[in-house]
Amino acid sequence: MLYLLLPERVRAHRLVAMGWPVRLGVFLLLWLYFVYIEWGAVFFICGLLYLLVSSMRGDSRRRSGPSAYSVFNRNCERLDGTFTAEEFDRSLRSGFS
């Protein structure tokens, strides 16, 4: 958990340097230790929560591409071919032809 207190630049560099097999090995060793002291289930659940939060952070996502949600894009620009509320309203009023 002290890892989260490091600056973002240092965290990103360390994640690139340390591959997933090393992280998995460290997790398993720590988990075995926590099983030994009878806190294995708590450590496992905290590990799953950390995995969930770290996967949703969005650091690995490309920043250059537009988001599917227009409110997150510059000038609220929509993707090409997006079905808007205005088009939906127009089709309801005039029929779906």
N, C-alpha and C. Protein backbone atom coordinates (compact mmCIF):
# COMPACT_ATOMS: atom_id res chain seq x y z
N MET A 1 0.81 -1.19 0.00
CA MET A 1 0.00 0.00 0.00
C MET A 1 0.85 1.26 0.00
N LEU A 2 2.09 1.16 0.49
CA LEU A 2 2.97 2.33 0.44
C LEU A 2 3.28 2.71 -1.00
N TYR A 3 3.10 1.76 -1.89
CA TYR A 3 3.34 2.00 -3.31
C TYR A 3 2.45 3.12 -3.84
N LEU A 4 1.24 3.25 -3.31
CA LEU A 4 0.30 4.27 -3.77
C LEU A 4 0.72 5.67 -3.35
N LEU A 5 1.62 5.79 -2.37
CA LEU A 5 2.06 7.10 -1.91
C LEU A 5 3.17 7.68 -2.76
N LEU A 6 3.75 6.89 -3.65
CA LEU A 6 4.82 7.38 -4.52
C LEU A 6 4.25 8.32 -5.58
N PRO A 7 5.08 9.25 -6.07
CA PRO A 7 4.60 10.12 -7.16
C PRO A 7 4.24 9.31 -8.39
N GLU A 8 3.32 9.86 -9.22
CA GLU A 8 2.80 9.15 -10.38
C GLU A 8 3.91 8.75 -11.36
N ARG A 9 4.88 9.64 -11.57
CA ARG A 9 5.96 9.37 -12.51
C ARG A 9 6.79 8.17 -12.04
N VAL A 10 7.07 8.10 -10.75
CA VAL A 10 7.86 6.99 -10.21
C VAL A 10 7.06 5.69 -10.29
N ARG A 11 5.76 5.75 -9.98
CA ARG A 11 4.92 4.55 -10.06
C ARG A 11 4.88 3.99 -11.47
N ALA A 12 4.70 4.86 -12.47
CA ALA A 12 4.62 4.40 -13.85
C ALA A 12 5.93 3.75 -14.27
N HIS A 13 7.06 4.32 -13.87
CA HIS A 13 8.36 3.75 -14.23
C HIS A 13 8.55 2.39 -13.58
N ARG A 14 8.16 2.25 -12.34
CA ARG A 14 8.34 0.98 -11.66
C ARG A 14 7.43 -0.11 -12.21
N LEU A 15 6.23 0.26 -12.64
CA LEU A 15 5.34 -0.74 -13.23
C LEU A 15 5.88 -1.27 -14.55
N VAL A 16 6.50 -0.40 -15.33
CA VAL A 16 7.08 -0.85 -16.59
C VAL A 16 8.28 -1.74 -16.32
N ALA A 17 9.08 -1.40 -15.32
CA ALA A 17 10.29 -2.15 -15.03
C ALA A 17 9.98 -3.53 -14.44
N MET A 18 8.91 -3.63 -13.68
CA MET A 18 8.59 -4.89 -13.01
C MET A 18 7.47 -5.60 -13.76
N GLY A 19 7.77 -6.73 -14.35
CA GLY A 19 6.78 -7.45 -15.15
C GLY A 19 5.74 -8.15 -14.30
N TRP A 20 4.71 -8.65 -14.97
CA TRP A 20 3.61 -9.29 -14.25
C TRP A 20 4.03 -10.58 -13.55
N PRO A 21 5.00 -11.37 -14.07
CA PRO A 21 5.38 -12.58 -13.31
C PRO A 21 6.01 -12.25 -11.96
N VAL A 22 6.77 -11.16 -11.92
CA VAL A 22 7.39 -10.76 -10.65
C VAL A 22 6.32 -10.30 -9.67
N ARG A 23 5.37 -9.50 -10.16
CA ARG A 23 4.29 -9.03 -9.29
C ARG A 23 3.44 -10.19 -8.79
N LEU A 24 3.18 -11.16 -9.66
CA LEU A 24 2.40 -12.33 -9.25
C LEU A 24 3.16 -13.14 -8.20
N GLY A 25 4.46 -13.30 -8.41
CA GLY A 25 5.27 -14.02 -7.43
C GLY A 25 5.30 -13.35 -6.07
N VAL A 26 5.45 -12.03 -6.08
CA VAL A 26 5.44 -11.28 -4.81
C VAL A 26 4.08 -11.41 -4.13
N PHE A 27 3.02 -11.30 -4.93
CA PHE A 27 1.67 -11.45 -4.36
C PHE A 27 1.49 -12.83 -3.73
N LEU A 28 1.92 -13.87 -4.43
CA LEU A 28 1.75 -15.23 -3.90
C LEU A 28 2.56 -15.46 -2.63
N LEU A 29 3.79 -14.93 -2.60
CA LEU A 29 4.60 -15.07 -1.39
C LEU A 29 3.97 -14.33 -0.21
N LEU A 30 3.50 -13.12 -0.46
CA LEU A 30 2.84 -12.38 0.61
C LEU A 30 1.55 -13.06 1.04
N TRP A 31 0.84 -13.62 0.07
CA TRP A 31 -0.41 -14.31 0.39
C TRP A 31 -0.14 -15.53 1.27
N LEU A 32 0.92 -16.29 0.94
CA LEU A 32 1.27 -17.45 1.76
C LEU A 32 1.63 -17.02 3.18
N TYR A 33 2.34 -15.90 3.31
CA TYR A 33 2.66 -15.40 4.64
C TYR A 33 1.39 -15.03 5.40
N PHE A 34 0.46 -14.36 4.72
CA PHE A 34 -0.77 -13.97 5.39
C PHE A 34 -1.66 -15.18 5.70
N VAL A 35 -1.59 -16.22 4.90
CA VAL A 35 -2.29 -17.47 5.23
C VAL A 35 -1.68 -18.06 6.50
N TYR A 36 -0.36 -18.00 6.60
CA TYR A 36 0.33 -18.52 7.78
C TYR A 36 -0.10 -17.78 9.05
N ILE A 37 -0.29 -16.47 8.97
CA ILE A 37 -0.71 -15.71 10.15
C ILE A 37 -2.24 -15.60 10.23
N GLU A 38 -2.93 -16.40 9.41
CA GLU A 38 -4.39 -16.54 9.41
C GLU A 38 -5.13 -15.27 8.99
N TRP A 39 -4.56 -14.53 8.06
CA TRP A 39 -5.19 -13.36 7.45
C TRP A 39 -5.20 -13.50 5.93
N GLY A 40 -5.15 -14.72 5.44
CA GLY A 40 -5.05 -14.97 4.01
C GLY A 40 -6.26 -14.50 3.22
N ALA A 41 -7.46 -14.72 3.75
CA ALA A 41 -8.68 -14.31 3.03
C ALA A 41 -8.76 -12.80 2.93
N VAL A 42 -8.39 -12.10 4.00
CA VAL A 42 -8.42 -10.64 3.98
C VAL A 42 -7.42 -10.11 2.96
N PHE A 43 -6.22 -10.68 2.93
CA PHE A 43 -5.20 -10.24 1.98
C PHE A 43 -5.65 -10.52 0.55
N PHE A 44 -6.28 -11.66 0.33
CA PHE A 44 -6.74 -12.01 -1.01
C PHE A 44 -7.82 -11.04 -1.49
N ILE A 45 -8.77 -10.70 -0.62
CA ILE A 45 -9.83 -9.76 -0.99
C ILE A 45 -9.25 -8.37 -1.24
N CYS A 46 -8.32 -7.94 -0.40
CA CYS A 46 -7.67 -6.64 -0.63
C CYS A 46 -6.89 -6.65 -1.94
N GLY A 47 -6.27 -7.77 -2.27
CA GLY A 47 -5.57 -7.88 -3.55
C GLY A 47 -6.51 -7.80 -4.73
N LEU A 48 -7.68 -8.42 -4.62
CA LEU A 48 -8.68 -8.32 -5.69
C LEU A 48 -9.20 -6.90 -5.83
N LEU A 49 -9.43 -6.22 -4.71
CA LEU A 49 -9.87 -4.82 -4.77
C LEU A 49 -8.80 -3.93 -5.41
N TYR A 50 -7.52 -4.18 -5.07
CA TYR A 50 -6.44 -3.41 -5.69
C TYR A 50 -6.39 -3.68 -7.19
N LEU A 51 -6.56 -4.92 -7.60
CA LEU A 51 -6.57 -5.25 -9.02
C LEU A 51 -7.71 -4.55 -9.74
N LEU A 52 -8.86 -4.52 -9.12
CA LEU A 52 -10.02 -3.85 -9.70
C LEU A 52 -9.78 -2.35 -9.86
N VAL A 53 -9.28 -1.71 -8.82
CA VAL A 53 -9.05 -0.26 -8.86
C VAL A 53 -7.93 0.08 -9.84
N SER A 54 -6.86 -0.69 -9.85
CA SER A 54 -5.74 -0.38 -10.74
C SER A 54 -6.10 -0.61 -12.20
N SER A 55 -7.02 -1.53 -12.48
CA SER A 55 -7.41 -1.75 -13.87
C SER A 55 -8.36 -0.67 -14.36
N MET A 56 -9.02 0.03 -13.46
CA MET A 56 -9.98 1.06 -13.86
C MET A 56 -9.38 2.46 -13.82
N ARG A 57 -8.12 2.58 -13.47
CA ARG A 57 -7.49 3.90 -13.39
C ARG A 57 -7.39 4.57 -14.73
N GLY A 58 -7.19 3.82 -15.79
CA GLY A 58 -7.12 4.39 -17.12
C GLY A 58 -5.74 4.85 -17.53
N ASP A 59 -4.68 4.52 -16.77
CA ASP A 59 -3.34 4.94 -17.14
C ASP A 59 -2.87 4.26 -18.42
N SER A 60 -3.31 3.04 -18.65
CA SER A 60 -2.83 2.29 -19.80
C SER A 60 -3.59 2.64 -21.08
N ARG A 61 -4.66 3.40 -20.96
CA ARG A 61 -5.47 3.74 -22.12
C ARG A 61 -4.79 4.83 -22.93
N ARG A 62 -4.97 4.77 -24.26
CA ARG A 62 -4.42 5.82 -25.11
C ARG A 62 -5.14 7.13 -24.84
N ARG A 63 -4.38 8.20 -24.68
CA ARG A 63 -4.98 9.50 -24.43
C ARG A 63 -5.29 10.23 -25.74
N SER A 64 -4.72 9.78 -26.84
CA SER A 64 -4.91 10.50 -28.11
C SER A 64 -6.28 10.24 -28.72
N GLY A 65 -6.85 9.08 -28.49
CA GLY A 65 -8.13 8.74 -29.10
C GLY A 65 -9.30 9.37 -28.37
N PRO A 66 -10.38 9.64 -29.11
CA PRO A 66 -11.56 10.22 -28.45
C PRO A 66 -12.31 9.18 -27.63
N SER A 67 -13.02 9.67 -26.63
CA SER A 67 -13.81 8.80 -25.78
C SER A 67 -15.16 8.53 -26.43
N ALA A 68 -15.75 7.40 -26.10
CA ALA A 68 -17.09 7.09 -26.60
C ALA A 68 -18.13 8.02 -26.00
N TYR A 69 -17.83 8.58 -24.85
CA TYR A 69 -18.72 9.54 -24.20
C TYR A 69 -18.29 10.94 -24.59
N SER A 70 -19.14 11.66 -25.28
CA SER A 70 -18.75 12.95 -25.86
C SER A 70 -18.42 13.99 -24.80
N VAL A 71 -18.93 13.86 -23.59
CA VAL A 71 -18.65 14.86 -22.57
C VAL A 71 -17.18 14.86 -22.15
N PHE A 72 -16.45 13.78 -22.42
CA PHE A 72 -15.05 13.71 -22.06
C PHE A 72 -14.13 14.17 -23.19
N ASN A 73 -14.66 14.43 -24.37
CA ASN A 73 -13.86 14.89 -25.50
C ASN A 73 -13.76 16.41 -25.50
N ARG A 74 -12.74 16.91 -26.18
CA ARG A 74 -12.61 18.36 -26.32
C ARG A 74 -13.79 18.90 -27.09
N ASN A 75 -14.32 20.02 -26.64
CA ASN A 75 -15.48 20.69 -27.24
C ASN A 75 -16.69 19.77 -27.32
N CYS A 76 -16.73 18.73 -26.52
CA CYS A 76 -17.85 17.76 -26.49
C CYS A 76 -18.14 17.19 -27.88
N GLU A 77 -17.09 16.93 -28.66
CA GLU A 77 -17.27 16.40 -30.01
C GLU A 77 -17.69 14.94 -29.94
N ARG A 78 -18.65 14.56 -30.79
CA ARG A 78 -19.14 13.19 -30.84
C ARG A 78 -18.30 12.38 -31.84
N LEU A 79 -18.36 11.08 -31.68
CA LEU A 79 -17.75 10.19 -32.66
C LEU A 79 -18.59 10.18 -33.92
N ASP A 80 -17.95 9.92 -35.06
CA ASP A 80 -18.69 9.84 -36.31
C ASP A 80 -19.66 8.66 -36.25
N GLY A 81 -20.89 8.88 -36.67
CA GLY A 81 -21.89 7.83 -36.68
C GLY A 81 -22.63 7.63 -35.37
N THR A 82 -22.41 8.53 -34.42
CA THR A 82 -23.09 8.42 -33.14
C THR A 82 -24.56 8.78 -33.28
N PHE A 83 -25.42 7.97 -32.71
CA PHE A 83 -26.87 8.20 -32.74
C PHE A 83 -27.20 9.15 -31.60
N THR A 84 -27.58 10.38 -31.92
CA THR A 84 -27.81 11.41 -30.92
C THR A 84 -29.25 11.42 -30.45
N ALA A 85 -29.49 12.14 -29.37
CA ALA A 85 -30.84 12.26 -28.83
C ALA A 85 -31.75 13.01 -29.81
N GLU A 86 -31.19 13.98 -30.52
CA GLU A 86 -31.99 14.72 -31.50
C GLU A 86 -32.45 13.81 -32.64
N GLU A 87 -31.56 12.95 -33.12
CA GLU A 87 -31.93 12.01 -34.18
C GLU A 87 -32.98 11.01 -33.68
N PHE A 88 -32.84 10.58 -32.46
CA PHE A 88 -33.81 9.65 -31.88
C PHE A 88 -35.18 10.31 -31.76
N ASP A 89 -35.21 11.54 -31.29
CA ASP A 89 -36.47 12.27 -31.16
C ASP A 89 -37.11 12.49 -32.52
N ARG A 90 -36.30 12.85 -33.50
CA ARG A 90 -36.81 13.07 -34.85
C ARG A 90 -37.39 11.79 -35.43
N SER A 91 -36.72 10.67 -35.19
CA SER A 91 -37.21 9.40 -35.74
C SER A 91 -38.49 8.94 -35.03
N LEU A 92 -38.63 9.26 -33.75
CA LEU A 92 -39.87 8.91 -33.05
C LEU A 92 -41.05 9.72 -33.56
N ARG A 93 -40.80 10.98 -33.85
CA ARG A 93 -41.88 11.85 -34.29
C ARG A 93 -42.29 11.59 -35.74
N SER A 94 -41.32 11.22 -36.58
CA SER A 94 -41.63 11.04 -38.01
C SER A 94 -41.68 9.57 -38.43
N GLY A 95 -41.36 8.66 -37.57
CA GLY A 95 -41.35 7.25 -37.92
C GLY A 95 -39.94 6.78 -38.21
N PHE A 96 -39.73 5.49 -38.12
CA PHE A 96 -38.40 4.91 -38.30
C PHE A 96 -38.16 4.49 -39.74
N SER A 97 -38.35 5.37 -40.68
CA SER A 97 -38.14 5.00 -42.08
C SER A 97 -36.91 5.67 -42.65
